Amino acid sequence: RMASLLPPVGMEVFRCFTAVSKEVVQQRHEAEVKERKAEKNLTKPARHLETGKSLPFIYGAPPPQLLCTPLEDLDPFYQSQKVSDPLVSLMCLSI
């Protein structure tokens, strides 16, 4: 159900602040804090995967058939980002 853009009129506006009200406010606050923490953890790209740096040894050597082929990003920061088609043609692993 969509909320009305107009404020309620009459006695419906005023409600007693109860222990339940306080709990609802606390739950909303905790959810917002949790969401902010989750966003903070994902807001930075991995430094070891920056453009121009060598691929870390942990990933191993890519197979020859994948060289100069568009690949999915290894960095979780960029995995959820949308990439336009012209950029996909530029994303190529070169050694």
Protein backbone atom coordinates (compact mmCIF):
# COMPACT_ATOMS: atom_id res chain seq x y z
CA ARG A 1 0.00 0.00 0.00
CA MET A 2 1.41 3.35 -1.00
CA ALA A 3 1.66 6.09 1.61
CA SER A 4 -0.42 9.18 1.06
CA LEU A 5 1.41 12.37 0.15
CA LEU A 6 -0.92 14.39 2.34
CA PRO A 7 -0.55 14.27 6.12
CA PRO A 8 -3.38 12.65 8.09
CA VAL A 9 -6.06 15.00 9.37
CA GLY A 10 -7.70 15.08 12.78
CA MET A 11 -6.98 12.89 15.76
CA GLU A 12 -5.17 10.23 13.66
CA VAL A 13 -2.05 12.40 13.71
CA PHE A 14 -1.46 12.12 17.45
CA ARG A 15 -0.38 8.82 18.99
CA CYS A 16 1.02 8.09 22.45
CA PHE A 17 4.73 7.29 22.55
CA THR A 18 4.91 3.82 24.10
CA ALA A 19 7.52 1.15 24.73
CA VAL A 20 6.50 -0.41 21.41
CA SER A 21 7.04 2.93 19.65
CA LYS A 22 10.49 3.17 21.21
CA GLU A 23 11.33 -0.36 20.08
CA VAL A 24 10.24 0.39 16.50
CA VAL A 25 12.45 3.51 16.44
CA GLN A 26 15.37 1.50 17.83
CA GLN A 27 14.92 -1.23 15.20
CA ARG A 28 14.87 1.35 12.39
CA HIS A 29 18.01 2.96 13.77
CA GLU A 30 19.82 -0.38 14.04
CA ALA A 31 18.82 -1.28 10.47
CA GLU A 32 20.20 2.05 9.19
CA VAL A 33 23.47 1.59 11.08
CA LYS A 34 23.81 -1.95 9.75
CA GLU A 35 23.17 -0.72 6.19
CA ARG A 36 25.76 2.06 6.54
CA LYS A 37 28.36 -0.43 7.81
CA ALA A 38 27.67 -2.74 4.87
CA GLU A 39 28.03 0.19 2.45
CA LYS A 40 31.31 1.28 4.07
CA ASN A 41 32.80 -2.17 3.61
CA LEU A 42 32.07 -2.20 -0.11
CA THR A 43 32.88 1.38 -1.05
CA LYS A 44 36.59 0.94 -1.75
CA PRO A 45 38.18 -0.90 -4.68
CA ALA A 46 40.87 -3.46 -3.83
CA ARG A 47 44.31 -1.81 -4.01
CA HIS A 48 46.07 -4.96 -5.18
CA LEU A 49 43.80 -5.08 -8.26
CA GLU A 50 44.31 -1.48 -9.44
CA THR A 51 44.70 -0.75 -13.13
CA GLY A 52 48.32 -0.93 -14.25
CA LYS A 53 49.46 -3.24 -11.45
CA SER A 54 50.56 -6.81 -12.08
CA LEU A 55 48.02 -9.50 -11.32
CA PRO A 56 48.78 -10.97 -7.87
CA PHE A 57 50.37 -14.44 -7.88
CA ILE A 58 47.42 -15.89 -5.93
CA TYR A 59 45.32 -15.71 -9.11
CA GLY A 60 47.90 -17.64 -11.14
CA ALA A 61 48.67 -17.16 -14.81
CA PRO A 62 45.63 -16.77 -17.07
CA PRO A 63 45.19 -19.39 -19.80
CA PRO A 64 46.42 -18.20 -23.22
CA GLN A 65 42.92 -18.47 -24.74
CA LEU A 66 41.68 -15.76 -22.33
CA LEU A 67 44.30 -13.16 -23.25
CA CYS A 68 42.79 -10.16 -25.07
CA THR A 69 39.30 -11.38 -24.16
CA PRO A 70 36.85 -9.38 -22.01
CA LEU A 71 36.76 -10.93 -18.53
CA GLU A 72 34.61 -10.42 -15.46
CA ASP A 73 36.20 -8.11 -12.91
CA LEU A 74 38.10 -9.82 -10.08
CA ASP A 75 37.44 -6.93 -7.68
CA PRO A 76 34.13 -7.37 -5.76
CA PHE A 77 33.73 -3.57 -5.74
CA TYR A 78 33.31 -3.51 -9.52
CA GLN A 79 31.42 -6.81 -9.90
CA SER A 80 28.13 -5.11 -9.02
CA GLN A 81 28.74 -2.09 -11.28
CA LYS A 82 27.13 -1.84 -14.70
CA VAL A 83 29.58 -1.51 -17.60
CA SER A 84 28.64 -0.04 -20.96
CA ASP A 85 29.36 -1.95 -24.20
CA PRO A 86 32.17 0.37 -25.45
CA LEU A 87 34.05 -0.24 -22.20
CA VAL A 88 33.68 -4.00 -22.49
CA SER A 89 35.66 -3.93 -25.73
CA LEU A 90 38.50 -2.14 -23.90
CA MET A 91 38.60 -4.59 -20.97
CA CYS A 92 41.24 -7.02 -22.06
CA LEU A 93 43.87 -8.85 -20.04
CA SER A 94 47.31 -8.15 -21.43
CA ILE A 95 50.61 -9.41 -20.10
